[in-house]
Amino acid sequence: MVNIYEFEFECLCPADRRPNVHKAMVVSERCIPVEEINAAAKEVSEMAIYQEHAGVELGRRLRATIKLVGTHDGIKITSWYGPSC
């Protein structure tokens, strides 16, 4: 069984302190309660963090594969983190 959870969240860019919106996909063979996903996203969204590192933080907290897609200064960034990459 594979579970896929999708949501959006915001982080502050550490370089210019502007908020960036990220589309996230969490892929896991285990069931992850949505409350756990929301809590992890809230923790990461309170950091000033680059998207590439935000995926790592979410993946560690949720023990899952993470795909993040976002745009910053006109450049679309897609980041994967986790064992299924």
PDB file of N, CA and C in Angstrom:
ATOM      1  N   MET A   1       0.850  -1.181   0.000  1.00  0.00           N
ATOM      2  CA  MET A   1       0.000   0.000   0.000  1.00  0.00           C
ATOM      3  C   MET A   1       0.891   1.238   0.000  1.00  0.00           C
ATOM      4  N   VAL A   2       0.489   2.205  -0.796  1.00  0.00           N
ATOM      5  CA  VAL A   2       1.181   3.493  -0.821  1.00  0.00           C
ATOM      6  C   VAL A   2       0.140   4.587  -0.592  1.00  0.00           C
ATOM      7  N   ASN A   3       0.468   5.500   0.295  1.00  0.00           N
ATOM      8  CA  ASN A   3      -0.410   6.635   0.590  1.00  0.00           C
ATOM      9  C   ASN A   3       0.253   7.907   0.101  1.00  0.00           C
ATOM     10  N   ILE A   4      -0.540   8.772  -0.520  1.00  0.00           N
ATOM     11  CA  ILE A   4      -0.046  10.055  -1.006  1.00  0.00           C
ATOM     12  C   ILE A   4      -0.900  11.153  -0.398  1.00  0.00           C
ATOM     13  N   TYR A   5      -0.231  12.106   0.230  1.00  0.00           N
ATOM     14  CA  TYR A   5      -0.899  13.245   0.869  1.00  0.00           C
ATOM     15  C   TYR A   5      -0.398  14.514   0.186  1.00  0.00           C
ATOM     16  N   GLU A   6      -1.293  15.401  -0.196  1.00  0.00           N
ATOM     17  CA  GLU A   6      -0.892  16.629  -0.885  1.00  0.00           C
ATOM     18  C   GLU A   6      -1.463  17.841  -0.166  1.00  0.00           C
ATOM     19  N   PHE A   7      -0.642  18.892  -0.064  1.00  0.00           N
ATOM     20  CA  PHE A   7      -1.069  20.118   0.611  1.00  0.00           C
ATOM     21  C   PHE A   7      -0.128  21.253   0.216  1.00  0.00           C
ATOM     22  N   GLU A   8      -0.459  22.455   0.611  1.00  0.00           N
ATOM     23  CA  GLU A   8       0.400  23.620   0.398  1.00  0.00           C
ATOM     24  C   GLU A   8       0.774  24.209   1.750  1.00  0.00           C
ATOM     25  N   PHE A   9       1.972  24.779   1.811  1.00  0.00           N
ATOM     26  CA  PHE A   9       2.388  25.493   3.015  1.00  0.00           C
ATOM     27  C   PHE A   9       3.380  26.572   2.626  1.00  0.00           C
ATOM     28  N   GLU A  10       3.616  27.498   3.535  1.00  0.00           N
ATOM     29  CA  GLU A  10       4.494  28.647   3.308  1.00  0.00           C
ATOM     30  C   GLU A  10       5.708  28.577   4.205  1.00  0.00           C
ATOM     31  N   CYS A  11       6.840  29.035   3.690  1.00  0.00           N
ATOM     32  CA  CYS A  11       8.063  29.232   4.479  1.00  0.00           C
ATOM     33  C   CYS A  11       8.640  30.585   4.119  1.00  0.00           C
ATOM     34  N   LEU A  12       9.411  31.137   5.015  1.00  0.00           N
ATOM     35  CA  LEU A  12      10.126  32.374   4.709  1.00  0.00           C
ATOM     36  C   LEU A  12      11.469  32.042   4.075  1.00  0.00           C
ATOM     37  N   CYS A  13      11.796  32.720   2.988  1.00  0.00           N
ATOM     38  CA  CYS A  13      13.103  32.569   2.363  1.00  0.00           C
ATOM     39  C   CYS A  13      14.139  33.198   3.296  1.00  0.00           C
ATOM     40  N   PRO A  14      15.213  32.491   3.627  1.00  0.00           N
ATOM     41  CA  PRO A  14      16.218  33.076   4.519  1.00  0.00           C
ATOM     42  C   PRO A  14      17.018  34.201   3.867  1.00  0.00           C
ATOM     43  N   ALA A  15      17.031  34.260   2.535  1.00  0.00           N
ATOM     44  CA  ALA A  15      17.810  35.293   1.845  1.00  0.00           C
ATOM     45  C   ALA A  15      17.098  36.638   1.824  1.00  0.00           C
ATOM     46  N   ASP A  16      15.795  36.618   1.495  1.00  0.00           N
ATOM     47  CA  ASP A  16      15.081  37.902   1.361  1.00  0.00           C
ATOM     48  C   ASP A  16      13.891  38.039   2.308  1.00  0.00           C
ATOM     49  N   ARG A  17      13.662  37.011   3.133  1.00  0.00           N
ATOM     50  CA  ARG A  17      12.590  37.010   4.163  1.00  0.00           C
ATOM     51  C   ARG A  17      11.189  37.118   3.569  1.00  0.00           C
ATOM     52  N   ARG A  18      11.046  36.850   2.278  1.00  0.00           N
ATOM     53  CA  ARG A  18       9.713  36.846   1.666  1.00  0.00           C
ATOM     54  C   ARG A  18       9.111  35.456   1.803  1.00  0.00           C
ATOM     55  N   PRO A  19       7.780  35.375   1.947  1.00  0.00           N
ATOM     56  CA  PRO A  19       7.146  34.059   2.031  1.00  0.00           C
ATOM     57  C   PRO A  19       7.123  33.364   0.667  1.00  0.00           C
ATOM     58  N   ASN A  20       7.372  32.082   0.676  1.00  0.00           N
ATOM     59  CA  ASN A  20       7.274  31.236  -0.510  1.00  0.00           C
ATOM     60  C   ASN A  20       6.230  30.160  -0.259  1.00  0.00           C
ATOM     61  N   VAL A  21       5.366  29.936  -1.233  1.00  0.00           N
ATOM     62  CA  VAL A  21       4.354  28.883  -1.134  1.00  0.00           C
ATOM     63  C   VAL A  21       4.905  27.634  -1.813  1.00  0.00           C
ATOM     64  N   HIS A  22       4.790  26.515  -1.135  1.00  0.00           N
ATOM     65  CA  HIS A  22       5.266  25.237  -1.660  1.00  0.00           C
ATOM     66  C   HIS A  22       4.098  24.268  -1.781  1.00  0.00           C
ATOM     67  N   LYS A  23       4.040  23.558  -2.889  1.00  0.00           N
ATOM     68  CA  LYS A  23       3.106  22.448  -3.039  1.00  0.00           C
ATOM     69  C   LYS A  23       3.863  21.202  -2.607  1.00  0.00           C
ATOM     70  N   ALA A  24       3.286  20.483  -1.664  1.00  0.00           N
ATOM     71  CA  ALA A  24       3.966  19.320  -1.098  1.00  0.00           C
ATOM     72  C   ALA A  24       3.209  18.041  -1.403  1.00  0.00           C
ATOM     73  N   MET A  25       3.981  16.985  -1.650  1.00  0.00           N
ATOM     74  CA  MET A  25       3.430  15.643  -1.761  1.00  0.00           C
ATOM     75  C   MET A  25       4.214  14.756  -0.807  1.00  0.00           C
ATOM     76  N   VAL A  26       3.512  14.053   0.060  1.00  0.00           N
ATOM     77  CA  VAL A  26       4.118  13.124   1.007  1.00  0.00           C
ATOM     78  C   VAL A  26       3.751  11.722   0.537  1.00  0.00           C
ATOM     79  N   VAL A  27       4.755  10.870   0.350  1.00  0.00           N
ATOM     80  CA  VAL A  27       4.533   9.502  -0.111  1.00  0.00           C
ATOM     81  C   VAL A  27       5.026   8.554   0.978  1.00  0.00           C
ATOM     82  N   SER A  28       4.140   7.654   1.410  1.00  0.00           N
ATOM     83  CA  SER A  28       4.501   6.763   2.509  1.00  0.00           C
ATOM     84  C   SER A  28       3.768   5.433   2.385  1.00  0.00           C
ATOM     85  N   GLU A  29       4.444   4.382   2.821  1.00  0.00           N
ATOM     86  CA  GLU A  29       3.787   3.080   2.889  1.00  0.00           C
ATOM     87  C   GLU A  29       2.982   2.934   4.171  1.00  0.00           C
ATOM     88  N   ARG A  30       3.190   3.825   5.107  1.00  0.00           N
ATOM     89  CA  ARG A  30       2.422   3.769   6.359  1.00  0.00           C
ATOM     90  C   ARG A  30       1.344   4.844   6.334  1.00  0.00           C
ATOM     91  N   CYS A  31       0.346   4.659   7.143  1.00  0.00           N
ATOM     92  CA  CYS A  31      -0.701   5.663   7.306  1.00  0.00           C
ATOM     93  C   CYS A  31      -0.160   6.770   8.207  1.00  0.00           C
ATOM     94  N   ILE A  32      -0.218   8.006   7.725  1.00  0.00           N
ATOM     95  CA  ILE A  32       0.235   9.139   8.524  1.00  0.00           C
ATOM     96  C   ILE A  32      -0.997   9.969   8.876  1.00  0.00           C
ATOM     97  N   PRO A  33      -1.333  10.109  10.147  1.00  0.00           N
ATOM     98  CA  PRO A  33      -2.484  10.936  10.509  1.00  0.00           C
ATOM     99  C   PRO A  33      -2.300  12.366   9.987  1.00  0.00           C
ATOM    100  N   VAL A  34      -3.360  12.940   9.428  1.00  0.00           N
ATOM    101  CA  VAL A  34      -3.244  14.288   8.869  1.00  0.00           C
ATOM    102  C   VAL A  34      -2.848  15.296   9.940  1.00  0.00           C
ATOM    103  N   GLU A  35      -3.183  15.036  11.187  1.00  0.00           N
ATOM    104  CA  GLU A  35      -2.773  15.932  12.267  1.00  0.00           C
ATOM    105  C   GLU A  35      -1.245  15.961  12.400  1.00  0.00           C
ATOM    106  N   GLU A  36      -0.604  14.815  12.165  1.00  0.00           N
ATOM    107  CA  GLU A  36       0.860  14.739  12.209  1.00  0.00           C
ATOM    108  C   GLU A  36       1.468  15.521  11.039  1.00  0.00           C
ATOM    109  N   ILE A  37       0.843  15.421   9.878  1.00  0.00           N
ATOM    110  CA  ILE A  37       1.313  16.167   8.708  1.00  0.00           C
ATOM    111  C   ILE A  37       1.156  17.665   8.942  1.00  0.00           C
ATOM    112  N   ASN A  38       0.002  18.077   9.437  1.00  0.00           N
ATOM    113  CA  ASN A  38      -0.232  19.500   9.713  1.00  0.00           C
ATOM    114  C   ASN A  38       0.751  20.041  10.739  1.00  0.00           C
ATOM    115  N   ALA A  39       1.038  19.257  11.780  1.00  0.00           N
ATOM    116  CA  ALA A  39       1.982  19.701  12.815  1.00  0.00           C
ATOM    117  C   ALA A  39       3.392  19.849  12.235  1.00  0.00           C
ATOM    118  N   ALA A  40       3.816  18.896  11.411  1.00  0.00           N
ATOM    119  CA  ALA A  40       5.146  18.970  10.801  1.00  0.00           C
ATOM    120  C   ALA A  40       5.235  20.164   9.855  1.00  0.00           C
ATOM    121  N   ALA A  41       4.198  20.384   9.054  1.00  0.00           N
ATOM    122  CA  ALA A  41       4.191  21.519   8.127  1.00  0.00           C
ATOM    123  C   ALA A  41       4.228  22.838   8.896  1.00  0.00           C
ATOM    124  N   LYS A  42       3.515  22.908  10.010  1.00  0.00           N
ATOM    125  CA  LYS A  42       3.512  24.135  10.823  1.00  0.00           C
ATOM    126  C   LYS A  42       4.903  24.406  11.386  1.00  0.00           C
ATOM    127  N   GLU A  43       5.562  23.362  11.904  1.00  0.00           N
ATOM    128  CA  GLU A  43       6.914  23.525  12.451  1.00  0.00           C
ATOM    129  C   GLU A  43       7.880  24.034  11.386  1.00  0.00           C
ATOM    130  N   VAL A  44       7.831  23.443  10.205  1.00  0.00           N
ATOM    131  CA  VAL A  44       8.748  23.838   9.136  1.00  0.00           C
ATOM    132  C   VAL A  44       8.402  25.230   8.618  1.00  0.00           C
ATOM    133  N   SER A  45       7.113  25.544   8.561  1.00  0.00           N
ATOM    134  CA  SER A  45       6.708  26.860   8.038  1.00  0.00           C
ATOM    135  C   SER A  45       7.131  28.001   8.966  1.00  0.00           C
ATOM    136  N   GLU A  46       7.444  27.710  10.210  1.00  0.00           N
ATOM    137  CA  GLU A  46       7.888  28.738  11.146  1.00  0.00           C
ATOM    138  C   GLU A  46       9.387  29.013  11.034  1.00  0.00           C
ATOM    139  N   MET A  47      10.077  28.258  10.168  1.00  0.00           N
ATOM    140  CA  MET A  47      11.521  28.437   9.968  1.00  0.00           C
ATOM    141  C   MET A  47      11.772  29.357   8.776  1.00  0.00           C
ATOM    142  N   ALA A  48      12.888  30.056   8.816  1.00  0.00           N
ATOM    143  CA  ALA A  48      13.400  30.721   7.615  1.00  0.00           C
ATOM    144  C   ALA A  48      14.294  29.672   6.959  1.00  0.00           C
ATOM    145  N   ILE A  49      13.826  29.079   5.842  1.00  0.00           N
ATOM    146  CA  ILE A  49      14.488  27.895   5.300  1.00  0.00           C
ATOM    147  C   ILE A  49      14.312  27.845   3.789  1.00  0.00           C
ATOM    148  N   TYR A  50      15.352  27.393   3.107  1.00  0.00           N
ATOM    149  CA  TYR A  50      15.251  27.185   1.664  1.00  0.00           C
ATOM    150  C   TYR A  50      14.373  25.969   1.387  1.00  0.00           C
ATOM    151  N   GLN A  51      13.701  25.987   0.249  1.00  0.00           N
ATOM    152  CA  GLN A  51      12.811  24.877  -0.120  1.00  0.00           C
ATOM    153  C   GLN A  51      13.538  23.539  -0.078  1.00  0.00           C
ATOM    154  N   GLU A  52      14.758  23.504  -0.596  1.00  0.00           N
ATOM    155  CA  GLU A  52      15.506  22.249  -0.655  1.00  0.00           C
ATOM    156  C   GLU A  52      15.697  21.652   0.736  1.00  0.00           C
ATOM    157  N   HIS A  53      15.879  22.509   1.729  1.00  0.00           N
ATOM    158  CA  HIS A  53      16.054  22.028   3.102  1.00  0.00           C
ATOM    159  C   HIS A  53      14.719  21.767   3.789  1.00  0.00           C
ATOM    160  N   ALA A  54      13.680  22.471   3.375  1.00  0.00           N
ATOM    161  CA  ALA A  54      12.347  22.245   3.949  1.00  0.00           C
ATOM    162  C   ALA A  54      11.877  20.823   3.658  1.00  0.00           C
ATOM    163  N   GLY A  55      12.180  20.322   2.466  1.00  0.00           N
ATOM    164  CA  GLY A  55      11.822  18.936   2.138  1.00  0.00           C
ATOM    165  C   GLY A  55      12.511  17.931   3.026  1.00  0.00           C
ATOM    166  N   VAL A  56      13.784  18.197   3.323  1.00  0.00           N
ATOM    167  CA  VAL A  56      14.539  17.325   4.226  1.00  0.00           C
ATOM    168  C   VAL A  56      13.898  17.328   5.607  1.00  0.00           C
ATOM    169  N   GLU A  57      13.559  18.518   6.107  1.00  0.00           N
ATOM    170  CA  GLU A  57      12.946  18.628   7.439  1.00  0.00           C
ATOM    171  C   GLU A  57      11.598  17.898   7.501  1.00  0.00           C
ATOM    172  N   LEU A  58      10.763  18.096   6.487  1.00  0.00           N
ATOM    173  CA  LEU A  58       9.472  17.393   6.464  1.00  0.00           C
ATOM    174  C   LEU A  58       9.674  15.882   6.400  1.00  0.00           C
ATOM    175  N   GLY A  59      10.586  15.444   5.549  1.00  0.00           N
ATOM    176  CA  GLY A  59      10.835  14.008   5.410  1.00  0.00           C
ATOM    177  C   GLY A  59      11.303  13.363   6.702  1.00  0.00           C
ATOM    178  N   ARG A  60      12.176  14.058   7.413  1.00  0.00           N
ATOM    179  CA  ARG A  60      12.659  13.530   8.706  1.00  0.00           C
ATOM    180  C   ARG A  60      11.522  13.447   9.722  1.00  0.00           C
ATOM    181  N   ARG A  61      10.733  14.503   9.795  1.00  0.00           N
ATOM    182  CA  ARG A  61       9.647  14.524  10.781  1.00  0.00           C
ATOM    183  C   ARG A  61       8.587  13.472  10.478  1.00  0.00           C
ATOM    184  N   LEU A  62       8.293  13.253   9.202  1.00  0.00           N
ATOM    185  CA  LEU A  62       7.212  12.346   8.815  1.00  0.00           C
ATOM    186  C   LEU A  62       7.701  10.953   8.442  1.00  0.00           C
ATOM    187  N   ARG A  63       9.030  10.770   8.371  1.00  0.00           N
ATOM    188  CA  ARG A  63       9.603   9.483   7.962  1.00  0.00           C
ATOM    189  C   ARG A  63       8.962   9.021   6.649  1.00  0.00           C
ATOM    190  N   ALA A  64       9.045   9.921   5.645  1.00  0.00           N
ATOM    191  CA  ALA A  64       8.393   9.664   4.366  1.00  0.00           C
ATOM    192  C   ALA A  64       9.176  10.334   3.246  1.00  0.00           C
ATOM    193  N   THR A  65       8.816  10.009   2.023  1.00  0.00           N
ATOM    194  CA  THR A  65       9.367  10.675   0.848  1.00  0.00           C
ATOM    195  C   THR A  65       8.571  11.950   0.610  1.00  0.00           C
ATOM    196  N   ILE A  66       9.273  13.034   0.324  1.00  0.00           N
ATOM    197  CA  ILE A  66       8.646  14.343   0.145  1.00  0.00           C
ATOM    198  C   ILE A  66       9.009  14.903  -1.223  1.00  0.00           C
ATOM    199  N   LYS A  67       8.016  15.433  -1.913  1.00  0.00           N
ATOM    200  CA  LYS A  67       8.237  16.205  -3.131  1.00  0.00           C
ATOM    201  C   LYS A  67       7.704  17.609  -2.869  1.00  0.00           C
ATOM    202  N   LEU A  68       8.550  18.611  -3.089  1.00  0.00           N
ATOM    203  CA  LEU A  68       8.121  20.004  -2.955  1.00  0.00           C
ATOM    204  C   LEU A  68       8.289  20.702  -4.289  1.00  0.00           C
ATOM    205  N   VAL A  69       7.299  21.507  -4.658  1.00  0.00           N
ATOM    206  CA  VAL A  69       7.369  22.318  -5.866  1.00  0.00           C
ATOM    207  C   VAL A  69       7.043  23.750  -5.468  1.00  0.00           C
ATOM    208  N   GLY A  70       7.917  24.663  -5.852  1.00  0.00           N
ATOM    209  CA  GLY A  70       7.699  26.072  -5.542  1.00  0.00           C
ATOM    210  C   GLY A  70       8.386  26.942  -6.577  1.00  0.00           C
ATOM    211  N   THR A  71       8.089  28.222  -6.531  1.00  0.00           N
ATOM    212  CA  THR A  71       8.715  29.182  -7.423  1.00  0.00           C
ATOM    213  C   THR A  71       9.294  30.311  -6.587  1.00  0.00           C
ATOM    214  N   HIS A  72      10.518  30.698  -6.924  1.00  0.00           N
ATOM    215  CA  HIS A  72      11.162  31.811  -6.226  1.00  0.00           C
ATOM    216  C   HIS A  72      11.910  32.645  -7.255  1.00  0.00           C
ATOM    217  N   ASP A  73      11.631  33.936  -7.271  1.00  0.00           N
ATOM    218  CA  ASP A  73      12.248  34.846  -8.242  1.00  0.00           C
ATOM    219  C   ASP A  73      12.113  34.330  -9.677  1.00  0.00           C
ATOM    220  N   GLY A  74      10.953  33.767  -9.983  1.00  0.00           N
ATOM    221  CA  GLY A  74      10.659  33.312 -11.335  1.00  0.00           C
ATOM    222  C   GLY A  74      11.237  31.963 -11.718  1.00  0.00           C
ATOM    223  N   ILE A  75      11.876  31.279 -10.776  1.00  0.00           N
ATOM    224  CA  ILE A  75      12.457  29.966 -11.059  1.00  0.00           C
ATOM    225  C   ILE A  75      11.661  28.896 -10.331  1.00  0.00           C
ATOM    226  N   LYS A  76      11.145  27.934 -11.105  1.00  0.00           N
ATOM    227  CA  LYS A  76      10.413  26.809 -10.522  1.00  0.00           C
ATOM    228  C   LYS A  76      11.426  25.802  -9.985  1.00  0.00           C
ATOM    229  N   ILE A  77      11.215  25.391  -8.742  1.00  0.00           N
ATOM    230  CA  ILE A  77      12.121  24.455  -8.077  1.00  0.00           C
ATOM    231  C   ILE A  77      11.322  23.225  -7.669  1.00  0.00           C
ATOM    232  N   THR A  78      11.806  22.057  -8.053  1.00  0.00           N
ATOM    233  CA  THR A  78      11.204  20.792  -7.632  1.00  0.00           C
ATOM    234  C   THR A  78      12.260  20.027  -6.840  1.00  0.00           C
ATOM    235  N   SER A  79      11.911  19.661  -5.614  1.00  0.00           N
ATOM    236  CA  SER A  79      12.855  18.971  -4.723  1.00  0.00           C
ATOM    237  C   SER A  79      12.220  17.664  -4.246  1.00  0.00           C
ATOM    238  N   TRP A  80      13.020  16.596  -4.219  1.00  0.00           N
ATOM    239  CA  TRP A  80      12.607  15.303  -3.671  1.00  0.00           C
ATOM    240  C   TRP A  80      13.527  14.973  -2.503  1.00  0.00           C
ATOM    241  N   TYR A  81      12.948  14.371  -1.477  1.00  0.00           N
ATOM    242  CA  TYR A  81      13.745  13.884  -0.359  1.00  0.00           C
ATOM    243  C   TYR A  81      13.134  12.580   0.111  1.00  0.00           C
ATOM    244  N   GLY A  82      13.959  11.600   0.410  1.00  0.00           N
ATOM    245  CA  GLY A  82      13.462  10.384   1.031  1.00  0.00           C
ATOM    246  C   GLY A  82      13.923   9.128   0.344  1.00  0.00           C
ATOM    247  N   PRO A  83      13.546   7.999   0.920  1.00  0.00           N
ATOM    248  CA  PRO A  83      14.032   6.709   0.443  1.00  0.00           C
ATOM    249  C   PRO A  83      13.507   6.320  -0.940  1.00  0.00           C
ATOM    250  N   SER A  84      12.404   6.885  -1.386  1.00  0.00           N
ATOM    251  CA  SER A  84      11.831   6.513  -2.690  1.00  0.00           C
ATOM    252  C   SER A  84      12.370   7.356  -3.838  1.00  0.00           C
ATOM    253  N   CYS A  85      13.329   8.244  -3.575  1.00  0.00           N
ATOM    254  CA  CYS A  85      13.864   9.122  -4.635  1.00  0.00           C
ATOM    255  C   CYS A  85      14.755   8.337  -5.570  1.00  0.00           C
TER     256      CYS A  85
END
